[in-house]
Amino acid sequence: MNTMTDDIYLEMTYHHGRAIAGYLYLPRQEGDKVARSREVSPSLVVDYAADGRAIGIEIISPSLVSVDDLNRLLAELHHETLSDKELAPLLAS
């Protein structure tokens, strides 16, 4: 079975109430694994599946990443941009 999830969601990791890392999950197929990664800035790394699809964005330093930064990268990867509400956990970092 090769099911696809269209869900895009943000997961943040906190330590003592402060965001220390995040991951923006992009649409993926069942069984997708990271085959390669590309650093696009000191704070952002894009993970790709074996077939070249971007499947996630690692947010290494949340306090250094803005909504605009993330939305520019999403547009470059041919994904819809996200609203401030959808990225609220990032804004709180």
C-alpha atoms as a PDB file:
ATOM      1  CA  MET A   1       0.000   0.000   0.000  1.00  0.00           C
ATOM      2  CA  ASN A   2       1.326   3.430  -0.930  1.00  0.00           C
ATOM      3  CA  THR A   3      -0.893   5.800   1.026  1.00  0.00           C
ATOM      4  CA  MET A   4      -0.105   9.489   1.185  1.00  0.00           C
ATOM      5  CA  THR A   5      -0.737  11.910   4.003  1.00  0.00           C
ATOM      6  CA  ASP A   6      -1.319  15.517   3.004  1.00  0.00           C
ATOM      7  CA  ASP A   7      -0.924  16.711   6.562  1.00  0.00           C
ATOM      8  CA  ILE A   8       1.598  19.418   7.229  1.00  0.00           C
ATOM      9  CA  TYR A   9       2.216  19.927  10.901  1.00  0.00           C
ATOM     10  CA  LEU A  10       4.751  21.484  13.205  1.00  0.00           C
ATOM     11  CA  GLU A  11       6.213  19.645  16.169  1.00  0.00           C
ATOM     12  CA  MET A  12       8.308  21.571  18.684  1.00  0.00           C
ATOM     13  CA  THR A  13      10.610  20.323  21.443  1.00  0.00           C
ATOM     14  CA  TYR A  14      10.871  22.390  24.610  1.00  0.00           C
ATOM     15  CA  HIS A  15      13.300  22.451  27.519  1.00  0.00           C
ATOM     16  CA  HIS A  16      12.376  24.452  30.618  1.00  0.00           C
ATOM     17  CA  GLY A  17       9.601  26.161  28.652  1.00  0.00           C
ATOM     18  CA  ARG A  18      11.888  27.278  25.818  1.00  0.00           C
ATOM     19  CA  ALA A  19      11.706  25.900  22.269  1.00  0.00           C
ATOM     20  CA  ILE A  20      14.995  24.203  21.447  1.00  0.00           C
ATOM     21  CA  ALA A  21      14.137  22.442  18.166  1.00  0.00           C
ATOM     22  CA  GLY A  22      11.297  21.858  15.768  1.00  0.00           C
ATOM     23  CA  TYR A  23      10.262  19.760  12.802  1.00  0.00           C
ATOM     24  CA  LEU A  24       7.792  20.706  10.094  1.00  0.00           C
ATOM     25  CA  TYR A  25       6.356  17.501   8.656  1.00  0.00           C
ATOM     26  CA  LEU A  26       5.480  17.766   4.953  1.00  0.00           C
ATOM     27  CA  PRO A  27       3.180  15.442   2.981  1.00  0.00           C
ATOM     28  CA  ARG A  28       4.667  11.973   2.789  1.00  0.00           C
ATOM     29  CA  GLN A  29       3.936   8.478   1.630  1.00  0.00           C
ATOM     30  CA  GLU A  30       3.738   5.517   3.955  1.00  0.00           C
ATOM     31  CA  GLY A  31       7.227   4.192   4.556  1.00  0.00           C
ATOM     32  CA  ASP A  32       9.054   7.379   3.539  1.00  0.00           C
ATOM     33  CA  LYS A  33      12.401   7.726   5.228  1.00  0.00           C
ATOM     34  CA  VAL A  34      14.999  10.463   5.019  1.00  0.00           C
ATOM     35  CA  ALA A  35      17.424   9.582   2.223  1.00  0.00           C
ATOM     36  CA  ARG A  36      19.355  12.850   2.245  1.00  0.00           C
ATOM     37  CA  SER A  37      19.337  16.232   3.914  1.00  0.00           C
ATOM     38  CA  ARG A  38      20.269  19.710   2.698  1.00  0.00           C
ATOM     39  CA  GLU A  39      21.226  22.570   4.985  1.00  0.00           C
ATOM     40  CA  VAL A  40      19.588  25.742   3.670  1.00  0.00           C
ATOM     41  CA  SER A  41      20.718  27.943   6.564  1.00  0.00           C
ATOM     42  CA  PRO A  42      22.404  27.399   9.914  1.00  0.00           C
ATOM     43  CA  SER A  43      18.897  27.037  11.387  1.00  0.00           C
ATOM     44  CA  LEU A  44      17.030  25.052   8.688  1.00  0.00           C
ATOM     45  CA  VAL A  45      17.658  21.644   7.117  1.00  0.00           C
ATOM     46  CA  VAL A  46      15.386  20.046   4.507  1.00  0.00           C
ATOM     47  CA  ASP A  47      14.961  16.264   4.580  1.00  0.00           C
ATOM     48  CA  TYR A  48      14.242  14.425   1.317  1.00  0.00           C
ATOM     49  CA  ALA A  49      12.829  10.989   0.504  1.00  0.00           C
ATOM     50  CA  ALA A  50      14.704   8.680  -1.872  1.00  0.00           C
ATOM     51  CA  ASP A  51      12.663   9.958  -4.840  1.00  0.00           C
ATOM     52  CA  GLY A  52      13.674  13.579  -4.171  1.00  0.00           C
ATOM     53  CA  ARG A  53      10.472  14.815  -2.491  1.00  0.00           C
ATOM     54  CA  ALA A  54      10.955  17.120   0.485  1.00  0.00           C
ATOM     55  CA  ILE A  55       9.330  15.365   3.446  1.00  0.00           C
ATOM     56  CA  GLY A  56      10.310  17.603   6.332  1.00  0.00           C
ATOM     57  CA  ILE A  57      12.132  20.666   7.558  1.00  0.00           C
ATOM     58  CA  GLU A  58      14.333  20.513  10.639  1.00  0.00           C
ATOM     59  CA  ILE A  59      14.283  23.724  12.671  1.00  0.00           C
ATOM     60  CA  ILE A  60      17.565  23.631  14.533  1.00  0.00           C
ATOM     61  CA  SER A  61      17.427  27.054  16.199  1.00  0.00           C
ATOM     62  CA  PRO A  62      13.772  28.121  16.473  1.00  0.00           C
ATOM     63  CA  SER A  63      14.602  31.528  17.929  1.00  0.00           C
ATOM     64  CA  LEU A  64      16.524  32.365  14.734  1.00  0.00           C
ATOM     65  CA  VAL A  65      13.755  31.346  12.306  1.00  0.00           C
ATOM     66  CA  SER A  66      10.906  33.636  11.316  1.00  0.00           C
ATOM     67  CA  VAL A  67       7.571  32.777   9.732  1.00  0.00           C
ATOM     68  CA  ASP A  68       8.804  34.588   6.606  1.00  0.00           C
ATOM     69  CA  ASP A  69      11.953  32.407   6.501  1.00  0.00           C
ATOM     70  CA  LEU A  70       9.903  29.247   6.729  1.00  0.00           C
ATOM     71  CA  ASN A  71       7.328  30.404   4.186  1.00  0.00           C
ATOM     72  CA  ARG A  72      10.046  31.384   1.683  1.00  0.00           C
ATOM     73  CA  LEU A  73      11.484  27.888   2.016  1.00  0.00           C
ATOM     74  CA  LEU A  74       8.051  26.272   1.640  1.00  0.00           C
ATOM     75  CA  ALA A  75       7.451  28.281  -1.545  1.00  0.00           C
ATOM     76  CA  GLU A  76      10.873  27.198  -2.873  1.00  0.00           C
ATOM     77  CA  LEU A  77       9.850  23.589  -2.191  1.00  0.00           C
ATOM     78  CA  HIS A  78       6.508  24.157  -4.019  1.00  0.00           C
ATOM     79  CA  HIS A  79       4.345  23.937  -0.888  1.00  0.00           C
ATOM     80  CA  GLU A  80       1.672  26.333   0.289  1.00  0.00           C
ATOM     81  CA  THR A  81       2.756  28.900   2.828  1.00  0.00           C
ATOM     82  CA  LEU A  82       1.444  28.705   6.387  1.00  0.00           C
ATOM     83  CA  SER A  83      -0.296  31.311   8.506  1.00  0.00           C
ATOM     84  CA  ASP A  84       0.943  32.798  11.758  1.00  0.00           C
ATOM     85  CA  LYS A  85      -1.734  30.720  13.507  1.00  0.00           C
ATOM     86  CA  GLU A  86      -0.417  27.478  11.991  1.00  0.00           C
ATOM     87  CA  LEU A  87       3.120  28.424  13.011  1.00  0.00           C
ATOM     88  CA  ALA A  88       2.166  29.789  16.453  1.00  0.00           C
ATOM     89  CA  PRO A  89       4.502  27.397  18.337  1.00  0.00           C
ATOM     90  CA  LEU A  90       7.433  28.789  16.329  1.00  0.00           C
ATOM     91  CA  LEU A  91       6.418  32.383  17.110  1.00  0.00           C
ATOM     92  CA  ALA A  92       6.411  31.584  20.815  1.00  0.00           C
ATOM     93  CA  SER A  93      10.048  30.455  20.757  1.00  0.00           C
END
